[in-house]
Amino acid sequence: ASSAEPFDDPWGAAAFLADIDGDAYGTTPD
């Protein structure tokens, strides 16, 4: 973890919101 580069999509948050049908109660990836 200490030496790893920052992830493009931490936690897969953007992938989750892009994959679901809807907006998850207005939640954004951030």
Full PDB file with SEQRES, HELIX, SHEET, SSBOND, CRYST1, ORIGX, SCALE, CONECT and MASTER records, all heavy atoms in Angstrom:
SEQRES   1 A   30  ALA SER SER ALA GLU PRO PHE ASP ASP PRO TRP GLY ALA          
SEQRES   2 A   30  ALA ALA PHE LEU ALA ASP ILE ASP GLY ASP ALA TYR GLY          
SEQRES   3 A   30  THR THR PRO ASP                                              
HELIX    1 AA1 PRO A   10  GLY A   12  5                                   3    
HELIX    2 AA2 ALA A   13  ASP A   19  1                                   7    
CRYST1    1.000    1.000    1.000  90.00  90.00  90.00 P 1           1          
ORIGX1      1.000000  0.000000  0.000000        0.00000                         
ORIGX2      0.000000  1.000000  0.000000        0.00000                         
ORIGX3      0.000000  0.000000  1.000000        0.00000                         
SCALE1      1.000000  0.000000  0.000000        0.00000                         
SCALE2      0.000000  1.000000  0.000000        0.00000                         
SCALE3      0.000000  0.000000  1.000000        0.00000                         
ATOM      1  N   ALA A   1       0.813  -1.216   0.000  1.00  0.00           N  
ATOM      2  CA  ALA A   1       0.000   0.000   0.000  1.00  0.00           C  
ATOM      3  C   ALA A   1       0.844   1.262   0.000  1.00  0.00           C  
ATOM      4  O   ALA A   1       0.543   2.243  -0.687  1.00  0.00           O  
ATOM      5  CB  ALA A   1      -0.934   0.004   1.205  1.00  0.00           C  
ATOM      6  N   SER A   2       1.932   1.261   0.775  1.00  0.00           N  
ATOM      7  CA  SER A   2       2.721   2.485   0.921  1.00  0.00           C  
ATOM      8  C   SER A   2       3.455   2.878  -0.360  1.00  0.00           C  
ATOM      9  O   SER A   2       3.746   4.048  -0.586  1.00  0.00           O  
ATOM     10  CB  SER A   2       3.741   2.314   2.057  1.00  0.00           C  
ATOM     11  OG  SER A   2       4.593   1.221   1.777  1.00  0.00           O  
ATOM     12  N   SER A   3       3.764   1.907  -1.207  1.00  0.00           N  
ATOM     13  CA  SER A   3       4.531   2.203  -2.417  1.00  0.00           C  
ATOM     14  C   SER A   3       3.671   2.215  -3.673  1.00  0.00           C  
ATOM     15  O   SER A   3       4.168   2.494  -4.760  1.00  0.00           O  
ATOM     16  CB  SER A   3       5.651   1.176  -2.593  1.00  0.00           C  
ATOM     17  OG  SER A   3       5.112  -0.133  -2.678  1.00  0.00           O  
ATOM     18  N   ALA A   4       2.401   1.903  -3.542  1.00  0.00           N  
ATOM     19  CA  ALA A   4       1.531   1.790  -4.708  1.00  0.00           C  
ATOM     20  C   ALA A   4       1.191   3.158  -5.280  1.00  0.00           C  
ATOM     21  O   ALA A   4       1.114   4.145  -4.562  1.00  0.00           O  
ATOM     22  CB  ALA A   4       0.242   1.050  -4.338  1.00  0.00           C  
ATOM     23  N   GLU A   5       1.008   3.205  -6.619  1.00  0.00           N  
ATOM     24  CA  GLU A   5       0.549   4.425  -7.272  1.00  0.00           C  
ATOM     25  C   GLU A   5      -0.936   4.631  -6.962  1.00  0.00           C  
ATOM     26  O   GLU A   5      -1.664   3.667  -6.750  1.00  0.00           O  
ATOM     27  CB  GLU A   5       0.746   4.296  -8.790  1.00  0.00           C  
ATOM     28  CG  GLU A   5       2.194   4.266  -9.233  1.00  0.00           C  
ATOM     29  CD  GLU A   5       2.889   5.588  -8.990  1.00  0.00           C  
ATOM     30  OE1 GLU A   5       2.227   6.645  -9.102  1.00  0.00           O  
ATOM     31  OE2 GLU A   5       4.088   5.570  -8.667  1.00  0.00           O  
ATOM     32  N   PRO A   6      -1.404   5.908  -6.937  1.00  0.00           N  
ATOM     33  CA  PRO A   6      -2.824   6.156  -6.695  1.00  0.00           C  
ATOM     34  C   PRO A   6      -3.680   5.473  -7.761  1.00  0.00           C  
ATOM     35  O   PRO A   6      -3.323   5.448  -8.934  1.00  0.00           O  
ATOM     36  CB  PRO A   6      -2.937   7.683  -6.785  1.00  0.00           C  
ATOM     37  CG  PRO A   6      -1.555   8.187  -6.516  1.00  0.00           C  
ATOM     38  CD  PRO A   6      -0.634   7.145  -7.071  1.00  0.00           C  
ATOM     39  N   PHE A   7      -4.794   4.922  -7.341  1.00  0.00           N  
ATOM     40  CA  PHE A   7      -5.674   4.242  -8.286  1.00  0.00           C  
ATOM     41  C   PHE A   7      -6.479   5.265  -9.088  1.00  0.00           C  
ATOM     42  O   PHE A   7      -6.801   6.344  -8.610  1.00  0.00           O  
ATOM     43  CB  PHE A   7      -6.635   3.316  -7.540  1.00  0.00           C  
ATOM     44  CG  PHE A   7      -5.951   2.241  -6.741  1.00  0.00           C  
ATOM     45  CD1 PHE A   7      -6.163   2.143  -5.370  1.00  0.00           C  
ATOM     46  CD2 PHE A   7      -5.099   1.332  -7.354  1.00  0.00           C  
ATOM     47  CE1 PHE A   7      -5.540   1.158  -4.627  1.00  0.00           C  
ATOM     48  CE2 PHE A   7      -4.470   0.345  -6.619  1.00  0.00           C  
ATOM     49  CZ  PHE A   7      -4.687   0.250  -5.246  1.00  0.00           C  
ATOM     50  N   ASP A   8      -6.800   4.898 -10.333  1.00  0.00           N  
ATOM     51  CA  ASP A   8      -7.630   5.772 -11.162  1.00  0.00           C  
ATOM     52  C   ASP A   8      -9.060   5.831 -10.633  1.00  0.00           C  
ATOM     53  O   ASP A   8      -9.718   6.867 -10.726  1.00  0.00           O  
ATOM     54  CB  ASP A   8      -7.647   5.268 -12.614  1.00  0.00           C  
ATOM     55  CG  ASP A   8      -6.283   5.434 -13.291  1.00  0.00           C  
ATOM     56  OD1 ASP A   8      -5.532   6.345 -12.864  1.00  0.00           O  
ATOM     57  OD2 ASP A   8      -5.995   4.671 -14.212  1.00  0.00           O  
ATOM     58  N   ASP A   9      -9.529   4.727 -10.099  1.00  0.00           N  
ATOM     59  CA  ASP A   9     -10.905   4.655  -9.597  1.00  0.00           C  
ATOM     60  C   ASP A   9     -10.921   3.920  -8.260  1.00  0.00           C  
ATOM     61  O   ASP A   9     -11.315   2.754  -8.189  1.00  0.00           O  
ATOM     62  CB  ASP A   9     -11.798   3.938 -10.617  1.00  0.00           C  
ATOM     63  CG  ASP A   9     -13.244   3.836 -10.170  1.00  0.00           C  
ATOM     64  OD1 ASP A   9     -13.661   4.645  -9.311  1.00  0.00           O  
ATOM     65  OD2 ASP A   9     -13.959   2.944 -10.683  1.00  0.00           O  
ATOM     66  N   PRO A  10     -10.468   4.591  -7.162  1.00  0.00           N  
ATOM     67  CA  PRO A  10     -10.439   3.925  -5.865  1.00  0.00           C  
ATOM     68  C   PRO A  10     -11.802   3.331  -5.493  1.00  0.00           C  
ATOM     69  O   PRO A  10     -12.840   3.952  -5.718  1.00  0.00           O  
ATOM     70  CB  PRO A  10     -10.058   5.057  -4.902  1.00  0.00           C  
ATOM     71  CG  PRO A  10      -9.363   6.064  -5.748  1.00  0.00           C  
ATOM     72  CD  PRO A  10     -10.020   5.994  -7.088  1.00  0.00           C  
ATOM     73  N   TRP A  11     -11.761   2.128  -4.963  1.00  0.00           N  
ATOM     74  CA  TRP A  11     -12.937   1.386  -4.518  1.00  0.00           C  
ATOM     75  C   TRP A  11     -13.840   0.935  -5.674  1.00  0.00           C  
ATOM     76  O   TRP A  11     -14.863   0.308  -5.446  1.00  0.00           O  
ATOM     77  CB  TRP A  11     -13.770   2.200  -3.521  1.00  0.00           C  
ATOM     78  CG  TRP A  11     -13.010   2.703  -2.351  1.00  0.00           C  
ATOM     79  CD1 TRP A  11     -12.560   3.990  -2.160  1.00  0.00           C  
ATOM     80  CD2 TRP A  11     -12.574   1.966  -1.208  1.00  0.00           C  
ATOM     81  NE1 TRP A  11     -11.878   4.088  -0.967  1.00  0.00           N  
ATOM     82  CE2 TRP A  11     -11.878   2.860  -0.349  1.00  0.00           C  
ATOM     83  CE3 TRP A  11     -12.709   0.629  -0.813  1.00  0.00           C  
ATOM     84  CZ2 TRP A  11     -11.322   2.463   0.853  1.00  0.00           C  
ATOM     85  CZ3 TRP A  11     -12.163   0.223   0.398  1.00  0.00           C  
ATOM     86  CH2 TRP A  11     -11.473   1.135   1.210  1.00  0.00           C  
ATOM     87  N   GLY A  12     -13.491   1.264  -6.897  1.00  0.00           N  
ATOM     88  CA  GLY A  12     -14.369   0.944  -8.026  1.00  0.00           C  
ATOM     89  C   GLY A  12     -15.655   1.739  -7.983  1.00  0.00           C  
ATOM     90  O   GLY A  12     -16.685   1.299  -8.528  1.00  0.00           O  
ATOM     91  N   ALA A  13     -15.607   2.936  -7.375  1.00  0.00           N  
ATOM     92  CA  ALA A  13     -16.830   3.730  -7.172  1.00  0.00           C  
ATOM     93  C   ALA A  13     -17.444   4.178  -8.491  1.00  0.00           C  
ATOM     94  O   ALA A  13     -18.656   4.083  -8.693  1.00  0.00           O  
ATOM     95  CB  ALA A  13     -16.513   4.945  -6.292  1.00  0.00           C  
ATOM     96  N   ALA A  14     -16.594   4.681  -9.398  1.00  0.00           N  
ATOM     97  CA  ALA A  14     -17.122   5.145 -10.680  1.00  0.00           C  
ATOM     98  C   ALA A  14     -17.667   3.977 -11.499  1.00  0.00           C  
ATOM     99  O   ALA A  14     -18.701   4.100 -12.174  1.00  0.00           O  
ATOM    100  CB  ALA A  14     -16.032   5.882 -11.457  1.00  0.00           C  
ATOM    101  N   ALA A  15     -16.991   2.850 -11.436  1.00  0.00           N  
ATOM    102  CA  ALA A  15     -17.456   1.669 -12.167  1.00  0.00           C  
ATOM    103  C   ALA A  15     -18.824   1.224 -11.642  1.00  0.00           C  
ATOM    104  O   ALA A  15     -19.703   0.832 -12.416  1.00  0.00           O  
ATOM    105  CB  ALA A  15     -16.445   0.541 -12.027  1.00  0.00           C  
ATOM    106  N   PHE A  16     -19.006   1.292 -10.325  1.00  0.00           N  
ATOM    107  CA  PHE A  16     -20.278   0.917  -9.719  1.00  0.00           C  
ATOM    108  C   PHE A  16     -21.415   1.801 -10.230  1.00  0.00           C  
ATOM    109  O   PHE A  16     -22.451   1.315 -10.695  1.00  0.00           O  
ATOM    110  CB  PHE A  16     -20.172   1.017  -8.195  1.00  0.00           C  
ATOM    111  CG  PHE A  16     -21.481   1.142  -7.477  1.00  0.00           C  
ATOM    112  CD1 PHE A  16     -22.414   0.122  -7.506  1.00  0.00           C  
ATOM    113  CD2 PHE A  16     -21.793   2.298  -6.768  1.00  0.00           C  
ATOM    114  CE1 PHE A  16     -23.636   0.236  -6.846  1.00  0.00           C  
ATOM    115  CE2 PHE A  16     -22.997   2.436  -6.100  1.00  0.00           C  
ATOM    116  CZ  PHE A  16     -23.923   1.400  -6.148  1.00  0.00           C  
ATOM    117  N   LEU A  17     -21.216   3.109 -10.179  1.00  0.00           N  
ATOM    118  CA  LEU A  17     -22.281   4.025 -10.572  1.00  0.00           C  
ATOM    119  C   LEU A  17     -22.547   3.987 -12.072  1.00  0.00           C  
ATOM    120  O   LEU A  17     -23.666   4.243 -12.515  1.00  0.00           O  
ATOM    121  CB  LEU A  17     -21.935   5.445 -10.128  1.00  0.00           C  
ATOM    122  CG  LEU A  17     -21.944   5.640  -8.604  1.00  0.00           C  
ATOM    123  CD1 LEU A  17     -21.367   7.002  -8.226  1.00  0.00           C  
ATOM    124  CD2 LEU A  17     -23.353   5.500  -8.052  1.00  0.00           C  
ATOM    125  N   ALA A  18     -21.510   3.659 -12.847  1.00  0.00           N  
ATOM    126  CA  ALA A  18     -21.706   3.540 -14.293  1.00  0.00           C  
ATOM    127  C   ALA A  18     -22.440   2.259 -14.664  1.00  0.00           C  
ATOM    128  O   ALA A  18     -23.113   2.199 -15.701  1.00  0.00           O  
ATOM    129  CB  ALA A  18     -20.348   3.584 -15.000  1.00  0.00           C  
ATOM    130  N   ASP A  19     -22.342   1.261 -13.798  1.00  0.00           N  
ATOM    131  CA  ASP A  19     -22.891  -0.053 -14.122  1.00  0.00           C  
ATOM    132  C   ASP A  19     -24.351  -0.213 -13.718  1.00  0.00           C  
ATOM    133  O   ASP A  19     -25.081  -0.997 -14.318  1.00  0.00           O  
ATOM    134  CB  ASP A  19     -22.049  -1.135 -13.434  1.00  0.00           C  
ATOM    135  CG  ASP A  19     -22.437  -2.544 -13.872  1.00  0.00           C  
ATOM    136  OD1 ASP A  19     -22.583  -2.752 -15.091  1.00  0.00           O  
ATOM    137  OD2 ASP A  19     -22.600  -3.416 -13.008  1.00  0.00           O  
ATOM    138  N   ILE A  20     -24.787   0.555 -12.694  1.00  0.00           N  
ATOM    139  CA  ILE A  20     -26.132   0.338 -12.165  1.00  0.00           C  
ATOM    140  C   ILE A  20     -27.153   1.124 -12.967  1.00  0.00           C  
ATOM    141  O   ILE A  20     -26.832   2.077 -13.680  1.00  0.00           O  
ATOM    142  CB  ILE A  20     -26.225   0.731 -10.675  1.00  0.00           C  
ATOM    143  CG1 ILE A  20     -26.005   2.241 -10.499  1.00  0.00           C  
ATOM    144  CG2 ILE A  20     -25.236  -0.066  -9.861  1.00  0.00           C  
ATOM    145  CD1 ILE A  20     -26.269   2.714  -9.079  1.00  0.00           C  
ATOM    146  N   ASP A  21     -28.402   0.712 -12.830  1.00  0.00           N  
ATOM    147  CA  ASP A  21     -29.509   1.402 -13.476  1.00  0.00           C  
ATOM    148  C   ASP A  21     -30.074   2.415 -12.481  1.00  0.00           C  
ATOM    149  O   ASP A  21     -30.845   2.075 -11.592  1.00  0.00           O  
ATOM    150  CB  ASP A  21     -30.586   0.393 -13.873  1.00  0.00           C  
ATOM    151  CG  ASP A  21     -31.758   1.049 -14.585  1.00  0.00           C  
ATOM    152  OD1 ASP A  21     -31.590   2.184 -15.068  1.00  0.00           O  
ATOM    153  OD2 ASP A  21     -32.838   0.427 -14.648  1.00  0.00           O  
ATOM    154  N   GLY A  22     -29.676   3.676 -12.603  1.00  0.00           N  
ATOM    155  CA  GLY A  22     -30.102   4.704 -11.655  1.00  0.00           C  
ATOM    156  C   GLY A  22     -28.909   5.463 -11.115  1.00  0.00           C  
ATOM    157  O   GLY A  22     -27.771   5.292 -11.583  1.00  0.00           O  
ATOM    158  N   ASP A  23     -29.176   6.300 -10.112  1.00  0.00           N  
ATOM    159  CA  ASP A  23     -28.098   7.155  -9.610  1.00  0.00           C  
ATOM    160  C   ASP A  23     -27.739   6.904  -8.155  1.00  0.00           C  
ATOM    161  O   ASP A  23     -26.967   7.651  -7.571  1.00  0.00           O  
ATOM    162  CB  ASP A  23     -28.470   8.628  -9.778  1.00  0.00           C  
ATOM    163  CG  ASP A  23     -29.680   9.015  -8.925  1.00  0.00           C  
ATOM    164  OD1 ASP A  23     -30.273   8.125  -8.280  1.00  0.00           O  
ATOM    165  OD2 ASP A  23     -30.022  10.209  -8.912  1.00  0.00           O  
ATOM    166  N   ALA A  24     -28.251   5.836  -7.555  1.00  0.00           N  
ATOM    167  CA  ALA A  24     -27.934   5.489  -6.159  1.00  0.00           C  
ATOM    168  C   ALA A  24     -28.174   6.681  -5.232  1.00  0.00           C  
ATOM    169  O   ALA A  24     -27.289   7.088  -4.486  1.00  0.00           O  
ATOM    170  CB  ALA A  24     -26.497   4.988  -6.034  1.00  0.00           C  
ATOM    171  N   TYR A  25     -29.381   7.232  -5.321  1.00  0.00           N  
ATOM    172  CA  TYR A  25     -29.819   8.296  -4.415  1.00  0.00           C  
ATOM    173  C   TYR A  25     -28.939   9.545  -4.507  1.00  0.00           C  
ATOM    174  O   TYR A  25     -28.640  10.180  -3.502  1.00  0.00           O  
ATOM    175  CB  TYR A  25     -29.884   7.777  -2.977  1.00  0.00           C  
ATOM    176  CG  TYR A  25     -30.765   6.571  -2.843  1.00  0.00           C  
ATOM    177  CD1 TYR A  25     -30.209   5.281  -2.836  1.00  0.00           C  
ATOM    178  CD2 TYR A  25     -32.150   6.683  -2.767  1.00  0.00           C  
ATOM    179  CE1 TYR A  25     -31.022   4.159  -2.754  1.00  0.00           C  
ATOM    180  CE2 TYR A  25     -32.964   5.557  -2.691  1.00  0.00           C  
ATOM    181  CZ  TYR A  25     -32.401   4.303  -2.681  1.00  0.00           C  
ATOM    182  OH  TYR A  25     -33.197   3.190  -2.604  1.00  0.00           O  
ATOM    183  N   GLY A  26     -28.527   9.858  -5.737  1.00  0.00           N  
ATOM    184  CA  GLY A  26     -27.748  11.066  -5.952  1.00  0.00           C  
ATOM    185  C   GLY A  26     -26.286  10.961  -5.566  1.00  0.00           C  
ATOM    186  O   GLY A  26     -25.569  11.965  -5.575  1.00  0.00           O  
ATOM    187  N   THR A  27     -25.821   9.766  -5.258  1.00  0.00           N  
ATOM    188  CA  THR A  27     -24.424   9.586  -4.850  1.00  0.00           C  
ATOM    189  C   THR A  27     -23.480   9.761  -6.038  1.00  0.00           C  
ATOM    190  O   THR A  27     -23.748   9.278  -7.129  1.00  0.00           O  
ATOM    191  CB  THR A  27     -24.231   8.181  -4.254  1.00  0.00           C  
ATOM    192  OG1 THR A  27     -25.127   8.017  -3.167  1.00  0.00           O  
ATOM    193  CG2 THR A  27     -22.810   7.986  -3.762  1.00  0.00           C  
ATOM    194  N   THR A  28     -22.386  10.443  -5.803  1.00  0.00           N  
ATOM    195  CA  THR A  28     -21.343  10.604  -6.812  1.00  0.00           C  
ATOM    196  C   THR A  28     -20.176   9.669  -6.482  1.00  0.00           C  
ATOM    197  O   THR A  28     -20.057   9.196  -5.345  1.00  0.00           O  
ATOM    198  CB  THR A  28     -20.826  12.051  -6.836  1.00  0.00           C  
ATOM    199  OG1 THR A  28     -20.208  12.343  -5.567  1.00  0.00           O  
ATOM    200  CG2 THR A  28     -21.968  13.034  -7.079  1.00  0.00           C  
ATOM    201  N   PRO A  29     -19.292   9.403  -7.442  1.00  0.00           N  
ATOM    202  CA  PRO A  29     -18.107   8.585  -7.124  1.00  0.00           C  
ATOM    203  C   PRO A  29     -17.296   9.168  -5.976  1.00  0.00           C  
ATOM    204  O   PRO A  29     -16.874   8.439  -5.069  1.00  0.00           O  
ATOM    205  CB  PRO A  29     -17.319   8.584  -8.434  1.00  0.00           C  
ATOM    206  CG  PRO A  29     -18.358   8.757  -9.498  1.00  0.00           C  
ATOM    207  CD  PRO A  29     -19.379   9.681  -8.899  1.00  0.00           C  
ATOM    208  N   ASP A  30     -17.080  10.489  -5.992  1.00  0.00           N  
ATOM    209  CA  ASP A  30     -16.309  11.110  -4.911  1.00  0.00           C  
ATOM    210  C   ASP A  30     -17.034  10.989  -3.577  1.00  0.00           C  
ATOM    211  O   ASP A  30     -16.404  10.783  -2.528  1.00  0.00           O  
ATOM    212  CB  ASP A  30     -16.052  12.587  -5.229  1.00  0.00           C  
ATOM    213  CG  ASP A  30     -14.996  12.771  -6.312  1.00  0.00           C  
ATOM    214  OD1 ASP A  30     -14.236  11.813  -6.549  1.00  0.00           O  
ATOM    215  OD2 ASP A  30     -14.941  13.864  -6.906  1.00  0.00           O  
TER     216      ASP A  30                                                      
MASTER        0    0    0    2    0    0    0    6  215    1    0    3          
END                                                                             
